[in-house]
Amino acid sequence: MDTLIDPRFGRAGHILVLDTVTGSVKAHDNEQNVNAAQGAGIQTAETVARLGAEVVITGHCGPKAFHALHAASIKVVLCAEGTATQAVEAFTAGKLVPTENPDVEGHWT
């Protein structure tokens, strides 16, 4: 939880899943998508959905990943800086709200 938020949703090295009831956190490796030639955002969105997430907090989210998350009823919250702990605290305090649109073009680096 002390790691910085990765600005690239689909190419983040790990996905942290926080259970808001118990407070437990599990890190899931996303290495297969870090250097993927294409489809990293969609594949990461599928992983997040499979993990049962209801909200994603990420630095930025492109259109394909955003639409995949939206189709799975997963809210996208943008937080371009700080640690995972700071992002969760800001979200819990109502300082971060879900976005209605992707904030970067596809294949953003």
PDB file of N, CA and C in Angstrom:
ATOM      1  N   MET A   1       0.819  -1.201   0.000  1.00  0.00           N
ATOM      2  CA  MET A   1       0.000   0.000   0.000  1.00  0.00           C
ATOM      3  C   MET A   1       0.869   1.274   0.000  1.00  0.00           C
ATOM      4  N   ASP A   2       2.151   1.103   0.239  1.00  0.00           N
ATOM      5  CA  ASP A   2       3.047   2.257   0.237  1.00  0.00           C
ATOM      6  C   ASP A   2       3.656   2.530  -1.133  1.00  0.00           C
ATOM      7  N   THR A   3       3.298   1.729  -2.137  1.00  0.00           N
ATOM      8  CA  THR A   3       3.811   1.965  -3.479  1.00  0.00           C
ATOM      9  C   THR A   3       3.027   3.088  -4.145  1.00  0.00           C
ATOM     10  N   LEU A   4       3.686   3.769  -5.075  1.00  0.00           N
ATOM     11  CA  LEU A   4       3.039   4.855  -5.799  1.00  0.00           C
ATOM     12  C   LEU A   4       2.022   4.297  -6.790  1.00  0.00           C
ATOM     13  N   ILE A   5       0.961   5.049  -7.001  1.00  0.00           N
ATOM     14  CA  ILE A   5      -0.030   4.696  -8.011  1.00  0.00           C
ATOM     15  C   ILE A   5       0.663   4.728  -9.371  1.00  0.00           C
ATOM     16  N   ASP A   6       0.513   3.669 -10.144  1.00  0.00           N
ATOM     17  CA  ASP A   6       1.085   3.650 -11.489  1.00  0.00           C
ATOM     18  C   ASP A   6       0.187   4.481 -12.391  1.00  0.00           C
ATOM     19  N   PRO A   7       0.758   5.367 -13.199  1.00  0.00           N
ATOM     20  CA  PRO A   7      -0.094   6.186 -14.063  1.00  0.00           C
ATOM     21  C   PRO A   7      -0.759   5.394 -15.190  1.00  0.00           C
ATOM     22  N   ARG A   8      -0.270   4.166 -15.459  1.00  0.00           N
ATOM     23  CA  ARG A   8      -0.781   3.383 -16.587  1.00  0.00           C
ATOM     24  C   ARG A   8      -1.572   2.184 -16.068  1.00  0.00           C
ATOM     25  N   PHE A   9      -2.873   2.249 -16.132  1.00  0.00           N
ATOM     26  CA  PHE A   9      -3.716   1.174 -15.608  1.00  0.00           C
ATOM     27  C   PHE A   9      -3.321  -0.200 -16.160  1.00  0.00           C
ATOM     28  N   GLY A  10      -3.334  -0.351 -17.458  1.00  0.00           N
ATOM     29  CA  GLY A  10      -3.115  -1.661 -18.073  1.00  0.00           C
ATOM     30  C   GLY A  10      -1.716  -2.201 -17.923  1.00  0.00           C
ATOM     31  N   ARG A  11      -0.753  -1.332 -17.716  1.00  0.00           N
ATOM     32  CA  ARG A  11       0.645  -1.761 -17.633  1.00  0.00           C
ATOM     33  C   ARG A  11       1.227  -1.654 -16.232  1.00  0.00           C
ATOM     34  N   ALA A  12       0.372  -1.493 -15.251  1.00  0.00           N
ATOM     35  CA  ALA A  12       0.838  -1.479 -13.860  1.00  0.00           C
ATOM     36  C   ALA A  12       1.427  -2.847 -13.522  1.00  0.00           C
ATOM     37  N   GLY A  13       2.502  -2.854 -12.783  1.00  0.00           N
ATOM     38  CA  GLY A  13       3.163  -4.109 -12.435  1.00  0.00           C
ATOM     39  C   GLY A  13       2.345  -5.010 -11.528  1.00  0.00           C
ATOM     40  N   HIS A  14       1.534  -4.401 -10.682  1.00  0.00           N
ATOM     41  CA  HIS A  14       0.707  -5.169  -9.748  1.00  0.00           C
ATOM     42  C   HIS A  14      -0.669  -4.535  -9.621  1.00  0.00           C
ATOM     43  N   ILE A  15      -1.614  -5.354  -9.272  1.00  0.00           N
ATOM     44  CA  ILE A  15      -2.964  -4.908  -8.959  1.00  0.00           C
ATOM     45  C   ILE A  15      -3.155  -5.175  -7.474  1.00  0.00           C
ATOM     46  N   LEU A  16      -3.444  -4.132  -6.718  1.00  0.00           N
ATOM     47  CA  LEU A  16      -3.706  -4.294  -5.293  1.00  0.00           C
ATOM     48  C   LEU A  16      -5.211  -4.364  -5.091  1.00  0.00           C
ATOM     49  N   VAL A  17      -5.646  -5.397  -4.393  1.00  0.00           N
ATOM     50  CA  VAL A  17      -7.069  -5.553  -4.108  1.00  0.00           C
ATOM     51  C   VAL A  17      -7.266  -5.384  -2.607  1.00  0.00           C
ATOM     52  N   LEU A  18      -8.042  -4.378  -2.258  1.00  0.00           N
ATOM     53  CA  LEU A  18      -8.332  -4.060  -0.873  1.00  0.00           C
ATOM     54  C   LEU A  18      -9.736  -4.526  -0.537  1.00  0.00           C
ATOM     55  N   ASP A  19      -9.854  -5.349   0.496  1.00  0.00           N
ATOM     56  CA  ASP A  19     -11.158  -5.750   1.010  1.00  0.00           C
ATOM     57  C   ASP A  19     -11.574  -4.674   1.998  1.00  0.00           C
ATOM     58  N   THR A  20     -12.574  -3.880   1.655  1.00  0.00           N
ATOM     59  CA  THR A  20     -12.958  -2.756   2.499  1.00  0.00           C
ATOM     60  C   THR A  20     -13.639  -3.190   3.801  1.00  0.00           C
ATOM     61  N   VAL A  21     -14.067  -4.430   3.881  1.00  0.00           N
ATOM     62  CA  VAL A  21     -14.688  -4.926   5.104  1.00  0.00           C
ATOM     63  C   VAL A  21     -13.620  -5.357   6.114  1.00  0.00           C
ATOM     64  N   THR A  22     -12.661  -6.149   5.661  1.00  0.00           N
ATOM     65  CA  THR A  22     -11.633  -6.675   6.569  1.00  0.00           C
ATOM     66  C   THR A  22     -10.368  -5.821   6.606  1.00  0.00           C
ATOM     67  N   GLY A  23     -10.161  -4.994   5.575  1.00  0.00           N
ATOM     68  CA  GLY A  23      -8.947  -4.189   5.499  1.00  0.00           C
ATOM     69  C   GLY A  23      -7.754  -4.938   4.926  1.00  0.00           C
ATOM     70  N   SER A  24      -7.957  -6.195   4.555  1.00  0.00           N
ATOM     71  CA  SER A  24      -6.843  -6.981   4.014  1.00  0.00           C
ATOM     72  C   SER A  24      -6.547  -6.543   2.578  1.00  0.00           C
ATOM     73  N   VAL A  25      -5.271  -6.656   2.206  1.00  0.00           N
ATOM     74  CA  VAL A  25      -4.823  -6.272   0.878  1.00  0.00           C
ATOM     75  C   VAL A  25      -4.068  -7.443   0.270  1.00  0.00           C
ATOM     76  N   LYS A  26      -4.365  -7.732  -0.990  1.00  0.00           N
ATOM     77  CA  LYS A  26      -3.635  -8.761  -1.726  1.00  0.00           C
ATOM     78  C   LYS A  26      -3.074  -8.130  -2.985  1.00  0.00           C
ATOM     79  N   ALA A  27      -1.809  -8.420  -3.255  1.00  0.00           N
ATOM     80  CA  ALA A  27      -1.172  -7.951  -4.488  1.00  0.00           C
ATOM     81  C   ALA A  27      -1.241  -9.059  -5.523  1.00  0.00           C
ATOM     82  N   HIS A  28      -1.657  -8.704  -6.723  1.00  0.00           N
ATOM     83  CA  HIS A  28      -1.742  -9.651  -7.823  1.00  0.00           C
ATOM     84  C   HIS A  28      -0.796  -9.186  -8.928  1.00  0.00           C
ATOM     85  N   ASP A  29       0.058 -10.083  -9.368  1.00  0.00           N
ATOM     86  CA  ASP A  29       1.043  -9.787 -10.403  1.00  0.00           C
ATOM     87  C   ASP A  29       0.349  -9.492 -11.729  1.00  0.00           C
ATOM     88  N   ASN A  30       0.761  -8.434 -12.386  1.00  0.00           N
ATOM     89  CA  ASN A  30       0.218  -8.070 -13.701  1.00  0.00           C
ATOM     90  C   ASN A  30       1.337  -8.060 -14.739  1.00  0.00           C
ATOM     91  N   GLU A  31       2.394  -8.796 -14.473  1.00  0.00           N
ATOM     92  CA  GLU A  31       3.588  -8.809 -15.323  1.00  0.00           C
ATOM     93  C   GLU A  31       3.279  -9.148 -16.779  1.00  0.00           C
ATOM     94  N   GLN A  32       2.312 -10.020 -17.018  1.00  0.00           N
ATOM     95  CA  GLN A  32       2.007 -10.423 -18.388  1.00  0.00           C
ATOM     96  C   GLN A  32       1.543  -9.257 -19.247  1.00  0.00           C
ATOM     97  N   ASN A  33       1.076  -8.185 -18.623  1.00  0.00           N
ATOM     98  CA  ASN A  33       0.584  -7.041 -19.382  1.00  0.00           C
ATOM     99  C   ASN A  33       1.537  -5.856 -19.403  1.00  0.00           C
ATOM    100  N   VAL A  34       2.569  -5.883 -18.571  1.00  0.00           N
ATOM    101  CA  VAL A  34       3.495  -4.758 -18.505  1.00  0.00           C
ATOM    102  C   VAL A  34       4.124  -4.483 -19.865  1.00  0.00           C
ATOM    103  N   ASN A  35       4.541  -5.518 -20.559  1.00  0.00           N
ATOM    104  CA  ASN A  35       5.188  -5.354 -21.860  1.00  0.00           C
ATOM    105  C   ASN A  35       4.370  -5.936 -23.011  1.00  0.00           C
ATOM    106  N   ALA A  36       3.079  -6.076 -22.823  1.00  0.00           N
ATOM    107  CA  ALA A  36       2.231  -6.640 -23.882  1.00  0.00           C
ATOM    108  C   ALA A  36       2.261  -5.737 -25.109  1.00  0.00           C
ATOM    109  N   ALA A  37       2.302  -6.347 -26.282  1.00  0.00           N
ATOM    110  CA  ALA A  37       2.316  -5.577 -27.526  1.00  0.00           C
ATOM    111  C   ALA A  37       1.024  -4.786 -27.701  1.00  0.00           C
ATOM    112  N   GLN A  38      -0.081  -5.369 -27.296  1.00  0.00           N
ATOM    113  CA  GLN A  38      -1.375  -4.693 -27.381  1.00  0.00           C
ATOM    114  C   GLN A  38      -2.361  -5.361 -26.439  1.00  0.00           C
ATOM    115  N   GLY A  39      -3.441  -4.667 -26.131  1.00  0.00           N
ATOM    116  CA  GLY A  39      -4.506  -5.239 -25.315  1.00  0.00           C
ATOM    117  C   GLY A  39      -4.255  -5.250 -23.825  1.00  0.00           C
ATOM    118  N   ALA A  40      -3.223  -4.544 -23.357  1.00  0.00           N
ATOM    119  CA  ALA A  40      -2.895  -4.570 -21.924  1.00  0.00           C
ATOM    120  C   ALA A  40      -4.041  -4.055 -21.062  1.00  0.00           C
ATOM    121  N   GLY A  41      -4.666  -2.968 -21.488  1.00  0.00           N
ATOM    122  CA  GLY A  41      -5.758  -2.388 -20.695  1.00  0.00           C
ATOM    123  C   GLY A  41      -6.954  -3.303 -20.596  1.00  0.00           C
ATOM    124  N   ILE A  42      -7.343  -3.896 -21.706  1.00  0.00           N
ATOM    125  CA  ILE A  42      -8.494  -4.803 -21.707  1.00  0.00           C
ATOM    126  C   ILE A  42      -8.198  -6.043 -20.876  1.00  0.00           C
ATOM    127  N   GLN A  43      -7.007  -6.600 -21.036  1.00  0.00           N
ATOM    128  CA  GLN A  43      -6.648  -7.800 -20.283  1.00  0.00           C
ATOM    129  C   GLN A  43      -6.577  -7.511 -18.780  1.00  0.00           C
ATOM    130  N   THR A  44      -6.035  -6.344 -18.428  1.00  0.00           N
ATOM    131  CA  THR A  44      -5.981  -5.980 -17.012  1.00  0.00           C
ATOM    132  C   THR A  44      -7.387  -5.753 -16.473  1.00  0.00           C
ATOM    133  N   ALA A  45      -8.260  -5.138 -17.262  1.00  0.00           N
ATOM    134  CA  ALA A  45      -9.656  -4.946 -16.843  1.00  0.00           C
ATOM    135  C   ALA A  45     -10.336  -6.289 -16.604  1.00  0.00           C
ATOM    136  N   GLU A  46     -10.071  -7.270 -17.461  1.00  0.00           N
ATOM    137  CA  GLU A  46     -10.640  -8.607 -17.276  1.00  0.00           C
ATOM    138  C   GLU A  46     -10.126  -9.236 -15.981  1.00  0.00           C
ATOM    139  N   THR A  47      -8.852  -9.039 -15.678  1.00  0.00           N
ATOM    140  CA  THR A  47      -8.291  -9.564 -14.431  1.00  0.00           C
ATOM    141  C   THR A  47      -8.957  -8.911 -13.230  1.00  0.00           C
ATOM    142  N   VAL A  48      -9.104  -7.593 -13.278  1.00  0.00           N
ATOM    143  CA  VAL A  48      -9.732  -6.856 -12.182  1.00  0.00           C
ATOM    144  C   VAL A  48     -11.170  -7.348 -11.969  1.00  0.00           C
ATOM    145  N   ALA A  49     -11.891  -7.566 -13.047  1.00  0.00           N
ATOM    146  CA  ALA A  49     -13.267  -8.065 -12.942  1.00  0.00           C
ATOM    147  C   ALA A  49     -13.292  -9.460 -12.326  1.00  0.00           C
ATOM    148  N   ARG A  50     -12.372 -10.306 -12.764  1.00  0.00           N
ATOM    149  CA  ARG A  50     -12.292 -11.669 -12.234  1.00  0.00           C
ATOM    150  C   ARG A  50     -11.965 -11.661 -10.732  1.00  0.00           C
ATOM    151  N   LEU A  51     -11.219 -10.654 -10.287  1.00  0.00           N
ATOM    152  CA  LEU A  51     -10.864 -10.537  -8.867  1.00  0.00           C
ATOM    153  C   LEU A  51     -12.012  -9.990  -8.024  1.00  0.00           C
ATOM    154  N   GLY A  52     -13.084  -9.553  -8.688  1.00  0.00           N
ATOM    155  CA  GLY A  52     -14.278  -9.111  -7.972  1.00  0.00           C
ATOM    156  C   GLY A  52     -14.275  -7.658  -7.532  1.00  0.00           C
ATOM    157  N   ALA A  53     -13.436  -6.843  -8.145  1.00  0.00           N
ATOM    158  CA  ALA A  53     -13.371  -5.431  -7.761  1.00  0.00           C
ATOM    159  C   ALA A  53     -14.643  -4.690  -8.139  1.00  0.00           C
ATOM    160  N   GLU A  54     -14.979  -3.695  -7.340  1.00  0.00           N
ATOM    161  CA  GLU A  54     -16.117  -2.829  -7.623  1.00  0.00           C
ATOM    162  C   GLU A  54     -15.661  -1.442  -8.058  1.00  0.00           C
ATOM    163  N   VAL A  55     -14.443  -1.072  -7.642  1.00  0.00           N
ATOM    164  CA  VAL A  55     -13.869   0.234  -7.958  1.00  0.00           C
ATOM    165  C   VAL A  55     -12.402   0.037  -8.290  1.00  0.00           C
ATOM    166  N   VAL A  56     -11.911   0.772  -9.279  1.00  0.00           N
ATOM    167  CA  VAL A  56     -10.488   0.793  -9.615  1.00  0.00           C
ATOM    168  C   VAL A  56      -9.994   2.211  -9.371  1.00  0.00           C
ATOM    169  N   ILE A  57      -8.893   2.327  -8.644  1.00  0.00           N
ATOM    170  CA  ILE A  57      -8.227   3.618  -8.495  1.00  0.00           C
ATOM    171  C   ILE A  57      -6.929   3.511  -9.283  1.00  0.00           C
ATOM    172  N   THR A  58      -6.762   4.385 -10.265  1.00  0.00           N
ATOM    173  CA  THR A  58      -5.609   4.318 -11.148  1.00  0.00           C
ATOM    174  C   THR A  58      -5.166   5.714 -11.547  1.00  0.00           C
ATOM    175  N   GLY A  59      -3.953   5.804 -12.052  1.00  0.00           N
ATOM    176  CA  GLY A  59      -3.443   7.095 -12.500  1.00  0.00           C
ATOM    177  C   GLY A  59      -4.199   7.614 -13.711  1.00  0.00           C
ATOM    178  N   HIS A  60      -4.285   6.796 -14.741  1.00  0.00           N
ATOM    179  CA  HIS A  60      -4.988   7.162 -15.969  1.00  0.00           C
ATOM    180  C   HIS A  60      -5.636   5.905 -16.541  1.00  0.00           C
ATOM    181  N   CYS A  61      -6.651   6.104 -17.363  1.00  0.00           N
ATOM    182  CA  CYS A  61      -7.357   4.970 -17.953  1.00  0.00           C
ATOM    183  C   CYS A  61      -7.754   5.321 -19.385  1.00  0.00           C
ATOM    184  N   GLY A  62      -7.303   4.487 -20.327  1.00  0.00           N
ATOM    185  CA  GLY A  62      -7.619   4.691 -21.735  1.00  0.00           C
ATOM    186  C   GLY A  62      -9.007   4.192 -22.090  1.00  0.00           C
ATOM    187  N   PRO A  63      -9.453   4.461 -23.314  1.00  0.00           N
ATOM    188  CA  PRO A  63     -10.827   4.160 -23.709  1.00  0.00           C
ATOM    189  C   PRO A  63     -11.193   2.679 -23.714  1.00  0.00           C
ATOM    190  N   LYS A  64     -10.323   1.817 -24.186  1.00  0.00           N
ATOM    191  CA  LYS A  64     -10.671   0.391 -24.245  1.00  0.00           C
ATOM    192  C   LYS A  64     -10.766  -0.206 -22.848  1.00  0.00           C
ATOM    193  N   ALA A  65      -9.792   0.114 -21.996  1.00  0.00           N
ATOM    194  CA  ALA A  65      -9.836  -0.373 -20.616  1.00  0.00           C
ATOM    195  C   ALA A  65     -11.045   0.201 -19.890  1.00  0.00           C
ATOM    196  N   PHE A  66     -11.301   1.503 -20.086  1.00  0.00           N
ATOM    197  CA  PHE A  66     -12.436   2.147 -19.434  1.00  0.00           C
ATOM    198  C   PHE A  66     -13.742   1.462 -19.815  1.00  0.00           C
ATOM    199  N   HIS A  67     -13.931   1.204 -21.088  1.00  0.00           N
ATOM    200  CA  HIS A  67     -15.178   0.581 -21.537  1.00  0.00           C
ATOM    201  C   HIS A  67     -15.295  -0.857 -21.037  1.00  0.00           C
ATOM    202  N   ALA A  68     -14.180  -1.574 -20.954  1.00  0.00           N
ATOM    203  CA  ALA A  68     -14.205  -2.939 -20.414  1.00  0.00           C
ATOM    204  C   ALA A  68     -14.578  -2.913 -18.934  1.00  0.00           C
ATOM    205  N   LEU A  69     -14.018  -1.976 -18.190  1.00  0.00           N
ATOM    206  CA  LEU A  69     -14.351  -1.853 -16.765  1.00  0.00           C
ATOM    207  C   LEU A  69     -15.814  -1.437 -16.604  1.00  0.00           C
ATOM    208  N   HIS A  70     -16.248  -0.479 -17.390  1.00  0.00           N
ATOM    209  CA  HIS A  70     -17.633  -0.008 -17.325  1.00  0.00           C
ATOM    210  C   HIS A  70     -18.604  -1.151 -17.634  1.00  0.00           C
ATOM    211  N   ALA A  71     -18.283  -1.968 -18.620  1.00  0.00           N
ATOM    212  CA  ALA A  71     -19.136  -3.101 -18.982  1.00  0.00           C
ATOM    213  C   ALA A  71     -19.242  -4.110 -17.842  1.00  0.00           C
ATOM    214  N   ALA A  72     -18.208  -4.172 -17.007  1.00  0.00           N
ATOM    215  CA  ALA A  72     -18.215  -5.082 -15.859  1.00  0.00           C
ATOM    216  C   ALA A  72     -18.753  -4.397 -14.600  1.00  0.00           C
ATOM    217  N   SER A  73     -19.330  -3.205 -14.764  1.00  0.00           N
ATOM    218  CA  SER A  73     -19.888  -2.410 -13.656  1.00  0.00           C
ATOM    219  C   SER A  73     -18.842  -2.045 -12.605  1.00  0.00           C
ATOM    220  N   ILE A  74     -17.621  -1.813 -13.057  1.00  0.00           N
ATOM    221  CA  ILE A  74     -16.534  -1.395 -12.172  1.00  0.00           C
ATOM    222  C   ILE A  74     -16.323   0.097 -12.371  1.00  0.00           C
ATOM    223  N   LYS A  75     -16.382   0.857 -11.280  1.00  0.00           N
ATOM    224  CA  LYS A  75     -16.183   2.297 -11.345  1.00  0.00           C
ATOM    225  C   LYS A  75     -14.695   2.607 -11.470  1.00  0.00           C
ATOM    226  N   VAL A  76     -14.373   3.661 -12.205  1.00  0.00           N
ATOM    227  CA  VAL A  76     -12.991   4.089 -12.400  1.00  0.00           C
ATOM    228  C   VAL A  76     -12.792   5.426 -11.694  1.00  0.00           C
ATOM    229  N   VAL A  77     -11.806   5.442 -10.803  1.00  0.00           N
ATOM    230  CA  VAL A  77     -11.450   6.648 -10.064  1.00  0.00           C
ATOM    231  C   VAL A  77     -10.018   6.999 -10.446  1.00  0.00           C
ATOM    232  N   LEU A  78      -9.796   8.249 -10.832  1.00  0.00           N
ATOM    233  CA  LEU A  78      -8.469   8.686 -11.264  1.00  0.00           C
ATOM    234  C   LEU A  78      -7.734   9.383 -10.121  1.00  0.00           C
ATOM    235  N   CYS A  79      -6.490   8.973  -9.941  1.00  0.00           N
ATOM    236  CA  CYS A  79      -5.626   9.556  -8.917  1.00  0.00           C
ATOM    237  C   CYS A  79      -4.208   9.467  -9.456  1.00  0.00           C
ATOM    238  N   ALA A  80      -3.710  10.553 -10.004  1.00  0.00           N
ATOM    239  CA  ALA A  80      -2.449  10.526 -10.743  1.00  0.00           C
ATOM    240  C   ALA A  80      -1.198  10.552  -9.875  1.00  0.00           C
ATOM    241  N   GLU A  81      -1.329  10.739  -8.589  1.00  0.00           N
ATOM    242  CA  GLU A  81      -0.127  10.784  -7.759  1.00  0.00           C
ATOM    243  C   GLU A  81      -0.409  10.279  -6.354  1.00  0.00           C
ATOM    244  N   GLY A  82       0.663   9.956  -5.653  1.00  0.00           N
ATOM    245  CA  GLY A  82       0.554   9.478  -4.285  1.00  0.00           C
ATOM    246  C   GLY A  82       0.636   7.967  -4.200  1.00  0.00           C
ATOM    247  N   THR A  83       0.556   7.477  -2.988  1.00  0.00           N
ATOM    248  CA  THR A  83       0.626   6.039  -2.739  1.00  0.00           C
ATOM    249  C   THR A  83      -0.769   5.434  -2.788  1.00  0.00           C
ATOM    250  N   ALA A  84      -0.808   4.127  -2.812  1.00  0.00           N
ATOM    251  CA  ALA A  84      -2.099   3.429  -2.781  1.00  0.00           C
ATOM    252  C   ALA A  84      -2.856   3.786  -1.511  1.00  0.00           C
ATOM    253  N   THR A  85      -2.169   3.856  -0.388  1.00  0.00           N
ATOM    254  CA  THR A  85      -2.815   4.220   0.877  1.00  0.00           C
ATOM    255  C   THR A  85      -3.432   5.610   0.782  1.00  0.00           C
ATOM    256  N   GLN A  86      -2.683   6.575   0.246  1.00  0.00           N
ATOM    257  CA  GLN A  86      -3.198   7.935   0.116  1.00  0.00           C
ATOM    258  C   GLN A  86      -4.403   7.986  -0.814  1.00  0.00           C
ATOM    259  N   ALA A  87      -4.361   7.217  -1.889  1.00  0.00           N
ATOM    260  CA  ALA A  87      -5.482   7.192  -2.831  1.00  0.00           C
ATOM    261  C   ALA A  87      -6.736   6.616  -2.184  1.00  0.00           C
ATOM    262  N   VAL A  88      -6.588   5.521  -1.448  1.00  0.00           N
ATOM    263  CA  VAL A  88      -7.745   4.915  -0.775  1.00  0.00           C
ATOM    264  C   VAL A  88      -8.303   5.873   0.271  1.00  0.00           C
ATOM    265  N   GLU A  89      -7.432   6.533   1.034  1.00  0.00           N
ATOM    266  CA  GLU A  89      -7.892   7.488   2.039  1.00  0.00           C
ATOM    267  C   GLU A  89      -8.653   8.646   1.392  1.00  0.00           C
ATOM    268  N   ALA A  90      -8.129   9.159   0.269  1.00  0.00           N
ATOM    269  CA  ALA A  90      -8.795  10.262  -0.431  1.00  0.00           C
ATOM    270  C   ALA A  90     -10.152   9.813  -0.977  1.00  0.00           C
ATOM    271  N   PHE A  91     -10.214   8.602  -1.520  1.00  0.00           N
ATOM    272  CA  PHE A  91     -11.479   8.075  -2.040  1.00  0.00           C
ATOM    273  C   PHE A  91     -12.491   7.901  -0.906  1.00  0.00           C
ATOM    274  N   THR A  92     -12.048   7.317   0.186  1.00  0.00           N
ATOM    275  CA  THR A  92     -12.927   7.082   1.337  1.00  0.00           C
ATOM    276  C   THR A  92     -13.447   8.399   1.903  1.00  0.00           C
ATOM    277  N   ALA A  93     -12.623   9.440   1.854  1.00  0.00           N
ATOM    278  CA  ALA A  93     -13.012  10.759   2.372  1.00  0.00           C
ATOM    279  C   ALA A  93     -13.879  11.545   1.381  1.00  0.00           C
ATOM    280  N   GLY A  94     -14.129  10.961   0.205  1.00  0.00           N
ATOM    281  CA  GLY A  94     -14.961  11.625  -0.782  1.00  0.00           C
ATOM    282  C   GLY A  94     -14.225  12.653  -1.630  1.00  0.00           C
ATOM    283  N   LYS A  95     -12.895  12.667  -1.534  1.00  0.00           N
ATOM    284  CA  LYS A  95     -12.102  13.622  -2.311  1.00  0.00           C
ATOM    285  C   LYS A  95     -11.869  13.156  -3.740  1.00  0.00           C
ATOM    286  N   LEU A  96     -12.055  11.884  -3.989  1.00  0.00           N
ATOM    287  CA  LEU A  96     -11.935  11.314  -5.331  1.00  0.00           C
ATOM    288  C   LEU A  96     -13.269  10.686  -5.692  1.00  0.00           C
ATOM    289  N   VAL A  97     -13.740  10.958  -6.881  1.00  0.00           N
ATOM    290  CA  VAL A  97     -15.023  10.403  -7.315  1.00  0.00           C
ATOM    291  C   VAL A  97     -14.843   9.684  -8.648  1.00  0.00           C
ATOM    292  N   PRO A  98     -15.693   8.724  -8.935  1.00  0.00           N
ATOM    293  CA  PRO A  98     -15.601   8.008 -10.216  1.00  0.00           C
ATOM    294  C   PRO A  98     -15.741   8.966 -11.407  1.00  0.00           C
ATOM    295  N   THR A  99     -15.005   8.658 -12.445  1.00  0.00           N
ATOM    296  CA  THR A  99     -15.065   9.439 -13.679  1.00  0.00           C
ATOM    297  C   THR A  99     -16.057   8.794 -14.646  1.00  0.00           C
ATOM    298  N   GLU A 100     -16.567   9.589 -15.533  1.00  0.00           N
ATOM    299  CA  GLU A 100     -17.534   9.105 -16.513  1.00  0.00           C
ATOM    300  C   GLU A 100     -16.892   8.796 -17.855  1.00  0.00           C
ATOM    301  N   ASN A 101     -15.605   9.120 -17.997  1.00  0.00           N
ATOM    302  CA  ASN A 101     -14.936   8.958 -19.283  1.00  0.00           C
ATOM    303  C   ASN A 101     -13.465   8.600 -19.101  1.00  0.00           C
ATOM    304  N   PRO A 102     -12.876   7.960 -20.104  1.00  0.00           N
ATOM    305  CA  PRO A 102     -11.430   7.743 -20.065  1.00  0.00           C
ATOM    306  C   PRO A 102     -10.731   9.103 -20.112  1.00  0.00           C
ATOM    307  N   ASP A 103      -9.514   9.175 -19.604  1.00  0.00           N
ATOM    308  CA  ASP A 103      -8.836  10.472 -19.570  1.00  0.00           C
ATOM    309  C   ASP A 103      -7.600  10.557 -20.471  1.00  0.00           C
ATOM    310  N   VAL A 104      -7.265   9.478 -21.159  1.00  0.00           N
ATOM    311  CA  VAL A 104      -6.148   9.485 -22.102  1.00  0.00           C
ATOM    312  C   VAL A 104      -6.562   8.743 -23.360  1.00  0.00           C
ATOM    313  N   GLU A 105      -5.811   8.976 -24.427  1.00  0.00           N
ATOM    314  CA  GLU A 105      -6.045   8.273 -25.680  1.00  0.00           C
ATOM    315  C   GLU A 105      -5.559   6.831 -25.558  1.00  0.00           C
ATOM    316  N   GLY A 106      -5.965   5.975 -26.459  1.00  0.00           N
ATOM    317  CA  GLY A 106      -5.461   4.608 -26.493  1.00  0.00           C
ATOM    318  C   GLY A 106      -3.966   4.609 -26.756  1.00  0.00           C
ATOM    319  N   HIS A 107      -3.275   3.609 -26.255  1.00  0.00           N
ATOM    320  CA  HIS A 107      -1.827   3.450 -26.421  1.00  0.00           C
ATOM    321  C   HIS A 107      -1.056   4.622 -25.846  1.00  0.00           C
ATOM    322  N   TRP A 108      -1.566   5.187 -24.765  1.00  0.00           N
ATOM    323  CA  TRP A 108      -0.897   6.283 -24.075  1.00  0.00           C
ATOM    324  C   TRP A 108       0.317   5.734 -23.342  1.00  0.00           C
ATOM    325  N   THR A 109       1.410   6.450 -23.368  1.00  0.00           N
ATOM    326  CA  THR A 109       2.617   6.006 -22.650  1.00  0.00           C
ATOM    327  C   THR A 109       3.097   7.043 -21.691  1.00  0.00           C
TER     328      THR A 109
END
